[in-house]
């Protein structure tokens, strides 16, 4: 006897496949959402960690900036102290230069020369005076060249002039020279035997009458 299955088995299969597809789609959607959520959490964590590192770096950079400012202040203070130290050393050496200058002028002037004025501007010294002859001026220049404190004599002018009351004729001369100065010392003081520093604009007068060298 032949039995026939009249149930809609094809429709049932399609429904089963549809249910499987829907279940798989939902599972995939849930899995996709889970992956997205996990990725978001991971990225958020990394962003927070990086922001934390950035904040730490900013704090350290701010500390370094403050330290750099302190170093700059210390450098400025050091330079100011060195400048004051140099000024003090210059003042200490200036006190003796005028004494050495006058002493050397008296020592180096030969007989027959009389000074009218001595003027100093920085290390340049100008002598104005009278000489009995040109040879006396040449002797003075040689004496200056051999001085341990004076150097570079240069004759500016020499001319014959008549003394008052027909006392005779003499040669009036103008002579420039320089004071020898040592280089500024690295650590206080000037080496023994070295010329000292002098200030600008110093003027000294030597009584007329000269001195033997």
N, C-alpha and C. Protein backbone atom coordinates (compact mmCIF):
# COMPACT_ATOMS: atom_id res chain seq x y z
N UNK A 1 0.86 -1.18 0.00
CA UNK A 1 0.00 0.00 0.00
C UNK A 1 0.89 1.23 0.00
N UNK A 2 0.68 2.18 -0.88
CA UNK A 2 1.51 3.38 -1.03
C UNK A 2 0.96 4.48 -0.14
N UNK A 3 2.00 5.07 0.65
CA UNK A 3 1.63 6.19 1.54
C UNK A 3 2.21 7.50 0.96
N UNK A 4 1.43 8.55 0.94
CA UNK A 4 1.86 9.85 0.42
C UNK A 4 1.89 10.85 1.57
N UNK A 5 3.02 11.62 1.62
CA UNK A 5 3.16 12.66 2.64
C UNK A 5 2.63 13.95 2.05
N UNK A 6 1.53 14.33 2.53
CA UNK A 6 0.89 15.52 1.99
C UNK A 6 1.24 16.80 2.76
N UNK A 7 2.11 16.70 3.77
CA UNK A 7 2.48 17.90 4.56
C UNK A 7 3.38 18.83 3.71
N UNK A 8 3.29 20.16 3.91
CA UNK A 8 4.12 21.14 3.13
C UNK A 8 5.57 21.14 3.63
N UNK A 9 6.29 20.06 3.31
CA UNK A 9 7.67 19.93 3.84
C UNK A 9 8.60 20.97 3.24
N UNK A 10 8.39 21.39 2.04
CA UNK A 10 9.25 22.41 1.44
C UNK A 10 9.11 23.76 2.16
N UNK A 11 7.88 24.05 2.48
CA UNK A 11 7.62 25.32 3.20
C UNK A 11 8.26 25.26 4.57
N UNK A 12 8.19 24.11 5.19
CA UNK A 12 8.80 23.97 6.52
C UNK A 12 10.31 24.15 6.43
N UNK A 13 10.91 23.61 5.35
CA UNK A 13 12.35 23.77 5.20
C UNK A 13 12.74 25.22 4.99
N UNK A 14 11.95 25.89 4.19
CA UNK A 14 12.24 27.32 3.97
C UNK A 14 12.14 28.10 5.27
N UNK A 15 11.12 27.77 6.06
CA UNK A 15 10.98 28.48 7.34
C UNK A 15 12.16 28.18 8.26
N UNK A 16 12.56 26.93 8.24
CA UNK A 16 13.70 26.57 9.09
C UNK A 16 14.95 27.33 8.65
N UNK A 17 15.17 27.38 7.34
CA UNK A 17 16.35 28.10 6.84
C UNK A 17 16.25 29.59 7.17
N UNK A 18 15.02 30.12 7.08
CA UNK A 18 14.82 31.54 7.40
C UNK A 18 15.14 31.79 8.86
N UNK A 19 14.66 30.89 9.74
CA UNK A 19 14.95 31.06 11.17
C UNK A 19 16.46 30.97 11.44
N UNK A 20 17.11 30.04 10.75
CA UNK A 20 18.56 29.92 10.93
C UNK A 20 19.29 31.20 10.45
N UNK A 21 18.80 31.75 9.32
CA UNK A 21 19.42 32.96 8.79
C UNK A 21 19.22 34.12 9.74
N UNK A 22 18.00 34.23 10.26
CA UNK A 22 17.73 35.33 11.20
C UNK A 22 18.57 35.17 12.45
N UNK A 23 18.66 33.95 12.95
CA UNK A 23 19.47 33.71 14.16
C UNK A 23 20.94 34.04 13.91
N UNK A 24 21.42 33.60 12.71
CA UNK A 24 22.82 33.89 12.38
C UNK A 24 23.04 35.39 12.23
N UNK A 25 22.09 36.08 11.58
CA UNK A 25 22.22 37.54 11.41
C UNK A 25 22.23 38.25 12.75
N UNK A 26 21.33 37.82 13.63
CA UNK A 26 21.29 38.46 14.96
C UNK A 26 22.58 38.19 15.71
N UNK A 27 23.07 36.95 15.61
CA UNK A 27 24.32 36.61 16.29
C UNK A 27 25.47 37.45 15.75
N UNK A 28 25.52 37.58 14.40
CA UNK A 28 26.58 38.39 13.81
C UNK A 28 26.46 39.85 14.22
N UNK A 29 25.21 40.36 14.26
CA UNK A 29 25.00 41.75 14.66
C UNK A 29 25.46 41.97 16.09
N UNK A 30 25.05 41.01 16.96
CA UNK A 30 25.46 41.13 18.37
C UNK A 30 26.98 41.06 18.48
N UNK A 31 27.59 40.12 17.70
CA UNK A 31 29.04 40.00 17.74
C UNK A 31 29.70 41.28 17.21
N UNK A 32 29.14 41.85 16.14
CA UNK A 32 29.69 43.11 15.60
C UNK A 32 29.60 44.24 16.62
N UNK A 33 28.42 44.32 17.28
CA UNK A 33 28.28 45.36 18.30
C UNK A 33 29.26 45.15 19.44
N UNK A 34 29.45 43.88 19.80
CA UNK A 34 30.40 43.59 20.88
C UNK A 34 31.81 44.00 20.48
N UNK A 35 32.18 43.68 19.21
CA UNK A 35 33.52 44.07 18.74
C UNK A 35 33.66 45.58 18.73
N UNK A 36 32.62 46.29 18.24
CA UNK A 36 32.66 47.76 18.20
C UNK A 36 32.80 48.32 19.61
N UNK A 37 32.00 47.77 20.54
CA UNK A 37 32.07 48.25 21.92
C UNK A 37 33.44 47.99 22.53
N UNK A 38 33.98 46.79 22.25
CA UNK A 38 35.31 46.47 22.77
C UNK A 38 36.37 47.41 22.18
N UNK A 39 36.26 47.63 20.85
CA UNK A 39 37.21 48.56 20.22
C UNK A 39 37.10 49.96 20.81
N UNK A 40 35.86 50.40 21.06
CA UNK A 40 35.66 51.73 21.64
C UNK A 40 36.29 51.82 23.03
N UNK A 41 36.09 50.74 23.82
CA UNK A 41 36.67 50.72 25.16
C UNK A 41 38.20 50.76 25.09
N UNK A 42 38.76 49.94 24.18
CA UNK A 42 40.22 49.90 24.04
C UNK A 42 40.76 51.26 23.61
N UNK A 43 40.10 51.86 22.61
CA UNK A 43 40.54 53.17 22.13
C UNK A 43 40.40 54.23 23.22
N UNK A 44 39.30 54.18 23.95
CA UNK A 44 39.10 55.16 25.03
C UNK A 44 40.18 55.02 26.09
N UNK A 45 40.52 53.76 26.40
CA UNK A 45 41.58 53.53 27.39
C UNK A 45 42.92 54.07 26.90
N UNK A 46 43.22 53.80 25.63
CA UNK A 46 44.48 54.30 25.07
C UNK A 46 44.51 55.83 25.04
N UNK A 47 43.37 56.41 24.68
CA UNK A 47 43.30 57.89 24.66
C UNK A 47 43.50 58.46 26.05
N UNK A 48 42.87 57.83 27.05
CA UNK A 48 43.04 58.30 28.42
C UNK A 48 44.50 58.16 28.88
N UNK A 49 45.09 57.03 28.53
CA UNK A 49 46.50 56.84 28.89
C UNK A 49 47.39 57.87 28.22
N UNK A 50 47.12 58.13 26.93
CA UNK A 50 47.94 59.12 26.22
C UNK A 50 47.72 60.51 26.79
N UNK A 51 46.47 60.84 27.13
CA UNK A 51 46.20 62.14 27.75
C UNK A 51 46.92 62.26 29.09
N UNK A 52 46.95 61.13 29.83
CA UNK A 52 47.67 61.14 31.10
C UNK A 52 49.16 61.38 30.87
N UNK A 53 49.74 60.71 29.85
CA UNK A 53 51.15 60.93 29.53
C UNK A 53 51.40 62.37 29.09
N UNK A 54 50.48 62.89 28.26
CA UNK A 54 50.63 64.28 27.81
C UNK A 54 50.60 65.25 29.00
N UNK A 55 49.68 64.99 29.93
CA UNK A 55 49.63 65.84 31.12
C UNK A 55 50.91 65.77 31.93
N UNK A 56 51.46 64.56 32.06
CA UNK A 56 52.73 64.39 32.79
C UNK A 56 53.86 65.13 32.09
N UNK A 57 53.89 64.99 30.74
CA UNK A 57 54.94 65.69 29.98
C UNK A 57 54.80 67.20 30.11
N UNK A 58 53.57 67.70 30.05
CA UNK A 58 53.36 69.14 30.20
C UNK A 58 53.83 69.62 31.56
N UNK A 59 53.55 68.83 32.61
CA UNK A 59 54.01 69.19 33.94
C UNK A 59 55.53 69.23 34.03
N UNK A 60 56.19 68.21 33.44
CA UNK A 60 57.65 68.17 33.46
C UNK A 60 58.24 69.32 32.64
N UNK A 61 57.60 69.62 31.49
CA UNK A 61 58.08 70.73 30.66
C UNK A 61 57.95 72.05 31.42
N UNK A 62 56.85 72.22 32.14
CA UNK A 62 56.68 73.44 32.94
C UNK A 62 57.76 73.54 34.02
N UNK A 63 58.10 72.40 34.65
CA UNK A 63 59.18 72.41 35.64
C UNK A 63 60.51 72.79 35.00
N UNK A 64 60.78 72.22 33.82
CA UNK A 64 62.02 72.54 33.12
C UNK A 64 62.08 74.02 32.74
N UNK A 65 60.92 74.57 32.32
CA UNK A 65 60.88 75.99 31.98
C UNK A 65 61.22 76.84 33.20
N UNK A 66 60.69 76.48 34.36
CA UNK A 66 61.01 77.21 35.59
C UNK A 66 62.49 77.09 35.92
N UNK A 67 63.05 75.89 35.74
CA UNK A 67 64.47 75.70 36.02
C UNK A 67 65.33 76.52 35.05
N UNK A 68 64.92 76.57 33.78
CA UNK A 68 65.65 77.37 32.80
C UNK A 68 65.61 78.84 33.18
N UNK A 69 64.45 79.31 33.65
CA UNK A 69 64.35 80.71 34.08
C UNK A 69 65.28 80.98 35.26
N UNK A 70 65.34 80.04 36.20
CA UNK A 70 66.24 80.19 37.34
C UNK A 70 67.70 80.23 36.88
N UNK A 71 68.04 79.34 35.92
CA UNK A 71 69.40 79.32 35.39
C UNK A 71 69.73 80.64 34.71
N UNK A 72 68.78 81.19 33.94
CA UNK A 72 69.00 82.48 33.28
C UNK A 72 69.22 83.58 34.32
N UNK A 73 68.43 83.55 35.40
CA UNK A 73 68.62 84.55 36.45
C UNK A 73 69.99 84.42 37.09
N UNK A 74 70.40 83.18 37.37
CA UNK A 74 71.72 82.96 37.96
C UNK A 74 72.83 83.41 37.01
N UNK A 75 72.64 83.17 35.71
CA UNK A 75 73.64 83.61 34.74
C UNK A 75 73.74 85.13 34.72
N UNK A 76 72.60 85.81 34.75
CA UNK A 76 72.60 87.27 34.77
C UNK A 76 73.27 87.79 36.04
N UNK A 77 72.97 87.16 37.17
CA UNK A 77 73.60 87.59 38.41
C UNK A 77 75.11 87.36 38.38
N UNK A 78 75.53 86.22 37.78
CA UNK A 78 76.96 85.94 37.67
C UNK A 78 77.66 86.98 36.81
N UNK A 79 77.04 87.32 35.67
CA UNK A 79 77.63 88.33 34.79
C UNK A 79 77.70 89.68 35.49
N UNK A 80 76.65 90.03 36.25
CA UNK A 80 76.66 91.29 36.97
C UNK A 80 77.77 91.32 38.02
N UNK A 81 77.94 90.20 38.72
CA UNK A 81 79.00 90.14 39.73
C UNK A 81 80.38 90.23 39.09
N UNK A 82 80.56 89.55 37.94
CA UNK A 82 81.84 89.63 37.24
C UNK A 82 82.12 91.06 36.76
N UNK A 83 81.05 91.73 36.29
CA UNK A 83 81.22 93.11 35.85
C UNK A 83 81.62 94.01 37.02
N UNK A 84 80.95 93.83 38.17
CA UNK A 84 81.32 94.62 39.33
C UNK A 84 82.74 94.33 39.79
N UNK A 85 83.11 93.06 39.72
CA UNK A 85 84.47 92.66 40.11
C UNK A 85 85.49 93.34 39.21
N UNK A 86 85.22 93.37 37.90
CA UNK A 86 86.14 94.02 36.97
C UNK A 86 86.24 95.51 37.25
N UNK A 87 85.10 96.15 37.59
CA UNK A 87 85.11 97.58 37.89
C UNK A 87 85.95 97.85 39.14
N UNK A 88 85.77 97.01 40.15
CA UNK A 88 86.54 97.18 41.39
C UNK A 88 88.03 97.03 41.10
N UNK A 89 88.40 96.01 40.31
CA UNK A 89 89.81 95.81 39.99
C UNK A 89 90.37 97.00 39.20
N UNK A 90 89.54 97.53 38.27
CA UNK A 90 89.98 98.70 37.50
C UNK A 90 90.21 99.89 38.41
N UNK A 91 89.29 100.12 39.35
CA UNK A 91 89.44 101.24 40.28
C UNK A 91 90.69 101.06 41.14
N UNK A 92 90.96 99.83 41.55
CA UNK A 92 92.15 99.59 42.37
C UNK A 92 93.44 99.90 41.60
N UNK A 93 93.47 99.52 40.32
CA UNK A 93 94.67 99.77 39.53
C UNK A 93 94.77 101.23 39.09
N UNK A 94 93.63 101.92 38.94
CA UNK A 94 93.64 103.32 38.52
C UNK A 94 94.33 104.22 39.53
N UNK A 95 94.28 103.83 40.80
CA UNK A 95 94.81 104.71 41.84
C UNK A 95 96.31 104.92 41.71
N UNK A 96 97.00 103.96 41.12
CA UNK A 96 98.46 104.05 41.06
C UNK A 96 98.98 104.57 39.72
N UNK A 97 98.14 104.62 38.69
CA UNK A 97 98.65 105.00 37.38
C UNK A 97 99.12 106.44 37.34
N UNK A 98 98.36 107.36 37.93
CA UNK A 98 98.76 108.77 37.91
C UNK A 98 100.10 108.96 38.60
N UNK A 99 100.32 108.22 39.70
CA UNK A 99 101.59 108.33 40.41
C UNK A 99 102.73 107.85 39.52
N UNK A 100 102.55 106.68 38.88
CA UNK A 100 103.59 106.17 37.99
C UNK A 100 103.82 107.11 36.81
N UNK A 101 102.75 107.68 36.28
CA UNK A 101 102.89 108.58 35.13
C UNK A 101 103.74 109.80 35.49
N UNK A 102 103.40 110.46 36.58
CA UNK A 102 104.17 111.64 36.98
C UNK A 102 105.61 111.27 37.32
N UNK A 103 105.79 110.12 37.96
CA UNK A 103 107.14 109.69 38.30
C UNK A 103 107.97 109.47 37.05
N UNK A 104 107.38 108.82 36.04
CA UNK A 104 108.12 108.55 34.81
C UNK A 104 108.40 109.83 34.02
N UNK A 105 107.45 110.77 34.03
CA UNK A 105 107.69 112.04 33.33
C UNK A 105 108.88 112.75 33.94
N UNK A 106 108.91 112.80 35.27
CA UNK A 106 110.03 113.46 35.94
C UNK A 106 111.35 112.75 35.64
N UNK A 107 111.30 111.41 35.62
CA UNK A 107 112.53 110.64 35.39
C UNK A 107 113.03 110.75 33.94
N UNK A 108 112.13 110.82 32.98
CA UNK A 108 112.53 110.74 31.57
C UNK A 108 112.81 112.09 30.94
N UNK A 109 112.41 113.20 31.56
CA UNK A 109 112.65 114.52 30.96
C UNK A 109 114.14 114.88 31.11
N UNK A 110 114.83 115.14 30.04
CA UNK A 110 116.25 115.53 30.14
C UNK A 110 116.40 117.01 30.50
N UNK A 111 117.63 117.41 30.81
CA UNK A 111 117.90 118.82 31.06
C UNK A 111 117.60 119.63 29.81
N UNK A 112 117.15 120.85 30.02
CA UNK A 112 116.88 121.73 28.90
C UNK A 112 115.48 121.65 28.37
N UNK A 113 114.58 120.88 29.03
CA UNK A 113 113.17 120.80 28.64
C UNK A 113 112.31 121.23 29.83
N UNK A 114 111.35 122.07 29.54
CA UNK A 114 110.44 122.58 30.56
C UNK A 114 109.01 122.33 30.10
N UNK A 115 108.22 121.70 30.93
CA UNK A 115 106.84 121.37 30.56
C UNK A 115 105.89 122.48 30.97
N UNK A 116 104.96 122.75 30.08
CA UNK A 116 103.91 123.72 30.37
C UNK A 116 102.63 123.04 30.82
N UNK A 117 102.35 121.84 30.27
CA UNK A 117 101.14 121.10 30.67
C UNK A 117 101.30 119.63 30.33
N UNK A 118 100.61 118.82 31.11
CA UNK A 118 100.52 117.38 30.87
C UNK A 118 99.04 117.01 30.95
N UNK A 119 98.53 116.41 29.89
CA UNK A 119 97.11 116.06 29.85
C UNK A 119 96.96 114.60 29.46
N UNK A 120 96.12 113.87 30.21
CA UNK A 120 95.88 112.46 29.93
C UNK A 120 94.42 112.24 29.57
N UNK A 121 94.20 111.48 28.50
CA UNK A 121 92.87 111.06 28.09
C UNK A 121 92.93 109.57 27.81
N UNK A 122 92.32 108.80 28.72
CA UNK A 122 92.45 107.34 28.67
C UNK A 122 93.92 106.99 28.81
N UNK A 123 94.51 106.27 27.83
CA UNK A 123 95.93 105.94 27.97
C UNK A 123 96.82 106.86 27.14
N UNK A 124 96.23 107.88 26.52
CA UNK A 124 97.00 108.84 25.72
C UNK A 124 97.39 110.04 26.58
N UNK A 125 98.66 110.43 26.51
CA UNK A 125 99.17 111.56 27.28
C UNK A 125 99.76 112.57 26.31
N UNK A 126 99.42 113.83 26.50
CA UNK A 126 99.93 114.92 25.66
C UNK A 126 100.80 115.84 26.50
N UNK A 127 102.02 116.04 26.06
CA UNK A 127 102.96 116.94 26.72
C UNK A 127 103.11 118.20 25.87
N UNK A 128 103.04 119.35 26.50
CA UNK A 128 103.30 120.63 25.85
C UNK A 128 104.37 121.35 26.68
N UNK A 129 105.43 121.76 26.02
CA UNK A 129 106.50 122.41 26.77
C UNK A 129 107.48 123.12 25.87
N UNK A 130 108.62 123.50 26.46
CA UNK A 130 109.67 124.23 25.75
C UNK A 130 110.97 123.45 25.84
N UNK A 131 111.75 123.49 24.76
CA UNK A 131 113.05 122.80 24.71
C UNK A 131 114.10 123.77 24.20
N UNK A 132 115.29 123.66 24.74
CA UNK A 132 116.37 124.53 24.31
C UNK A 132 116.82 124.21 22.89
N UNK A 133 116.57 122.93 22.45
CA UNK A 133 116.96 122.55 21.10
C UNK A 133 116.14 121.34 20.68
N UNK A 134 116.16 121.07 19.36
CA UNK A 134 115.46 119.88 18.85
C UNK A 134 116.07 118.61 19.39
N UNK A 135 117.36 118.62 19.65
CA UNK A 135 118.03 117.43 20.17
C UNK A 135 117.48 117.04 21.53
N UNK A 136 117.08 118.03 22.34
CA UNK A 136 116.51 117.72 23.65
C UNK A 136 115.18 116.96 23.49
N UNK A 137 114.40 117.35 22.49
CA UNK A 137 113.13 116.66 22.25
C UNK A 137 113.39 115.23 21.78
N UNK A 138 114.39 115.06 20.93
CA UNK A 138 114.73 113.70 20.47
C UNK A 138 115.18 112.83 21.65
N UNK A 139 115.95 113.42 22.58
CA UNK A 139 116.38 112.67 23.76
C UNK A 139 115.17 112.28 24.61
N UNK A 140 114.23 113.18 24.75
CA UNK A 140 113.01 112.88 25.51
C UNK A 140 112.26 111.71 24.88
N UNK A 141 112.16 111.70 23.56
CA UNK A 141 111.44 110.62 22.88
C UNK A 141 112.15 109.29 23.06
N UNK A 142 113.48 109.29 23.01
CA UNK A 142 114.21 108.04 23.25
C UNK A 142 114.03 107.55 24.67
N UNK A 143 114.01 108.49 25.62
CA UNK A 143 113.81 108.11 27.02
C UNK A 143 112.42 107.49 27.22
N UNK A 144 111.42 108.05 26.54
CA UNK A 144 110.06 107.51 26.65
C UNK A 144 110.01 106.09 26.09
N UNK A 145 110.69 105.86 24.96
CA UNK A 145 110.70 104.51 24.37
C UNK A 145 111.34 103.49 25.31
N UNK A 146 112.29 103.92 26.13
CA UNK A 146 112.94 103.00 27.06
C UNK A 146 112.26 102.92 28.41
N UNK A 147 111.14 103.61 28.59
CA UNK A 147 110.45 103.60 29.88
C UNK A 147 109.61 102.34 30.04
N UNK A 148 109.56 101.77 31.24
CA UNK A 148 108.71 100.58 31.45
C UNK A 148 107.23 100.91 31.54
N UNK A 149 106.88 102.19 31.64
CA UNK A 149 105.49 102.58 31.80
C UNK A 149 104.96 103.43 30.65
N UNK A 150 105.85 103.93 29.78
CA UNK A 150 105.45 104.81 28.69
C UNK A 150 105.89 104.20 27.37
N UNK A 151 105.19 104.57 26.27
CA UNK A 151 105.52 104.03 24.96
C UNK A 151 104.95 104.91 23.86
N UNK A 152 105.39 104.64 22.64
CA UNK A 152 104.88 105.26 21.41
C UNK A 152 104.92 106.79 21.45
N UNK A 153 106.08 107.41 21.64
CA UNK A 153 106.15 108.87 21.56
C UNK A 153 105.96 109.34 20.12
N UNK A 154 105.20 110.39 19.93
CA UNK A 154 104.94 110.94 18.59
C UNK A 154 104.95 112.46 18.68
N UNK A 155 105.84 113.06 17.96
CA UNK A 155 105.95 114.52 17.96
C UNK A 155 104.86 115.11 17.08
N UNK A 156 104.02 115.93 17.66
CA UNK A 156 102.92 116.55 16.92
C UNK A 156 103.37 117.84 16.24
N UNK A 157 104.09 118.66 17.01
CA UNK A 157 104.48 119.97 16.47
C UNK A 157 105.68 120.49 17.26
N UNK A 158 106.55 121.18 16.58
CA UNK A 158 107.64 121.89 17.23
C UNK A 158 107.90 123.17 16.45
N UNK A 159 108.04 124.28 17.16
CA UNK A 159 108.23 125.56 16.50
C UNK A 159 109.02 126.49 17.41
N UNK A 160 109.70 127.42 16.79
CA UNK A 160 110.51 128.38 17.54
C UNK A 160 109.61 129.52 18.01
N UNK A 161 109.75 129.91 19.27
CA UNK A 161 108.98 131.01 19.84
C UNK A 161 109.92 131.93 20.60
N UNK A 162 109.51 133.20 20.72
CA UNK A 162 110.29 134.21 21.43
C UNK A 162 109.82 134.27 22.87
N UNK A 163 110.77 134.18 23.79
CA UNK A 163 110.43 134.30 25.21
C UNK A 163 110.12 135.75 25.55
N UNK A 164 109.31 135.98 26.58
CA UNK A 164 108.99 137.36 26.99
C UNK A 164 110.25 138.13 27.39
N UNK A 165 110.18 139.46 27.24
CA UNK A 165 111.25 140.37 27.66
C UNK A 165 112.56 140.07 26.93
N UNK A 166 112.42 139.60 25.66
CA UNK A 166 113.59 139.32 24.83
C UNK A 166 114.59 138.42 25.54
N UNK A 167 114.05 137.40 26.25
CA UNK A 167 114.91 136.48 26.98
C UNK A 167 115.52 135.43 26.08
N UNK A 168 115.21 135.48 24.81
CA UNK A 168 115.78 134.52 23.88
C UNK A 168 114.68 133.71 23.18
N UNK A 169 115.11 132.79 22.32
CA UNK A 169 114.18 131.95 21.57
C UNK A 169 114.33 130.51 22.03
N UNK A 170 113.20 129.82 22.12
CA UNK A 170 113.17 128.40 22.48
C UNK A 170 112.25 127.68 21.50
N UNK A 171 112.27 126.37 21.55
CA UNK A 171 111.40 125.55 20.70
C UNK A 171 110.21 125.08 21.53
N UNK A 172 109.02 125.48 21.13
CA UNK A 172 107.78 124.99 21.78
C UNK A 172 107.34 123.71 21.06
N UNK A 173 107.06 122.66 21.80
CA UNK A 173 106.72 121.37 21.19
C UNK A 173 105.45 120.80 21.81
N UNK A 174 104.81 119.96 21.03
CA UNK A 174 103.66 119.17 21.49
C UNK A 174 103.97 117.71 21.19
N UNK A 175 103.90 116.89 22.21
CA UNK A 175 104.31 115.49 22.07
C UNK A 175 103.23 114.59 22.66
N UNK A 176 102.86 113.56 21.88
CA UNK A 176 101.91 112.55 22.36
C UNK A 176 102.66 111.27 22.73
N UNK A 177 102.14 110.57 23.73
CA UNK A 177 102.68 109.26 24.09
C UNK A 177 101.55 108.46 24.74
N UNK A 178 101.82 107.21 25.02
CA UNK A 178 100.80 106.33 25.61
C UNK A 178 101.34 105.69 26.88
N UNK A 179 100.39 105.41 27.79
CA UNK A 179 100.72 104.69 29.01
C UNK A 179 100.58 103.19 28.74
N UNK A 180 101.59 102.43 29.10
CA UNK A 180 101.50 100.97 28.92
C UNK A 180 100.51 100.40 29.91
N UNK A 181 99.68 99.53 29.42
CA UNK A 181 98.69 98.89 30.27
C UNK A 181 98.68 97.40 30.01
N UNK A 182 98.58 96.65 31.09
CA UNK A 182 98.48 95.19 30.95
C UNK A 182 97.06 94.81 30.62
N UNK A 183 96.88 93.63 30.03
CA UNK A 183 95.53 93.11 29.77
C UNK A 183 94.82 92.88 31.08
N UNK A 184 93.47 93.05 31.11
CA UNK A 184 92.72 92.84 32.36
C UNK A 184 92.98 91.45 32.91
N UNK A 185 93.34 91.33 34.18
CA UNK A 185 93.63 90.01 34.76
C UNK A 185 92.38 89.17 34.86
N UNK A 186 92.54 87.85 34.71
CA UNK A 186 91.40 86.93 34.80
C UNK A 186 90.89 86.83 36.23
N UNK A 187 91.78 86.79 37.19
CA UNK A 187 91.40 86.73 38.59
C UNK A 187 92.17 87.79 39.32
N UNK A 188 91.44 88.77 39.90
CA UNK A 188 91.90 89.92 40.61
C UNK A 188 93.37 90.27 40.58
N UNK A 189 93.63 91.56 40.55
CA UNK A 189 94.99 92.06 40.69
C UNK A 189 95.71 92.19 39.37
N UNK A 190 96.80 92.95 39.39
CA UNK A 190 97.66 93.15 38.23
C UNK A 190 98.99 92.52 38.53
N UNK A 191 99.62 91.78 37.60
CA UNK A 191 100.90 91.16 37.86
C UNK A 191 101.93 92.18 38.29
N UNK A 192 102.80 91.78 39.17
CA UNK A 192 103.82 92.67 39.70
C UNK A 192 104.70 93.18 38.57
N UNK A 193 104.94 94.50 38.57
CA UNK A 193 105.80 95.10 37.54
C UNK A 193 105.06 95.52 36.31
N UNK A 194 103.75 95.20 36.22
CA UNK A 194 102.98 95.58 35.03
C UNK A 194 102.37 96.94 35.23
N UNK A 195 102.20 97.74 34.15
CA UNK A 195 101.57 99.05 34.28
C UNK A 195 100.14 98.92 34.76
N UNK A 196 99.66 99.91 35.43
CA UNK A 196 98.29 99.91 35.94
C UNK A 196 97.38 100.64 35.00
N UNK A 197 96.09 100.41 35.21
CA UNK A 197 95.09 101.09 34.40
C UNK A 197 94.85 102.49 34.92
N UNK A 198 94.35 103.38 34.01
CA UNK A 198 94.04 104.74 34.42
C UNK A 198 92.74 105.19 33.83
N UNK A 199 92.11 106.14 34.46
CA UNK A 199 90.84 106.65 33.99
C UNK A 199 91.03 107.75 32.99
N UNK A 200 90.01 108.04 32.19
CA UNK A 200 90.09 109.08 31.16
C UNK A 200 90.00 110.46 31.76
N UNK A 201 90.57 111.42 31.01
CA UNK A 201 90.36 112.81 31.36
C UNK A 201 91.20 113.31 32.49
N UNK A 202 92.24 112.58 32.90
CA UNK A 202 93.07 113.06 34.00
C UNK A 202 94.04 114.11 33.47
N UNK A 203 94.22 115.20 34.20
CA UNK A 203 95.13 116.25 33.80
C UNK A 203 96.04 116.57 34.95
N UNK A 204 97.33 116.65 34.67
CA UNK A 204 98.29 116.96 35.71
C UNK A 204 99.22 118.06 35.20
N UNK A 205 99.66 118.89 36.06
CA UNK A 205 100.54 119.98 35.71
C UNK A 205 101.90 119.75 36.36
N UNK A 206 102.97 119.96 35.59
CA UNK A 206 104.33 119.83 36.12
C UNK A 206 104.94 121.22 36.17
N UNK A 207 105.51 121.63 37.27
CA UNK A 207 106.09 122.98 37.36
C UNK A 207 107.15 123.18 36.30
N UNK A 208 107.17 124.33 35.74
CA UNK A 208 108.16 124.66 34.73
C UNK A 208 109.54 124.66 35.38
N UNK A 209 110.50 124.11 34.66
CA UNK A 209 111.83 124.04 35.21
C UNK A 209 112.46 122.71 34.91
N UNK A 210 111.62 121.67 34.59
CA UNK A 210 112.13 120.40 34.15
C UNK A 210 112.80 119.63 35.23
N UNK A 211 113.26 118.42 34.87
CA UNK A 211 113.97 117.56 35.79
C UNK A 211 114.93 116.73 35.01
N UNK A 212 116.04 116.39 35.60
CA UNK A 212 117.05 115.61 34.90
C UNK A 212 116.61 114.16 34.85
N UNK A 213 116.86 113.48 33.71
CA UNK A 213 116.51 112.08 33.59
C UNK A 213 117.74 111.23 33.67
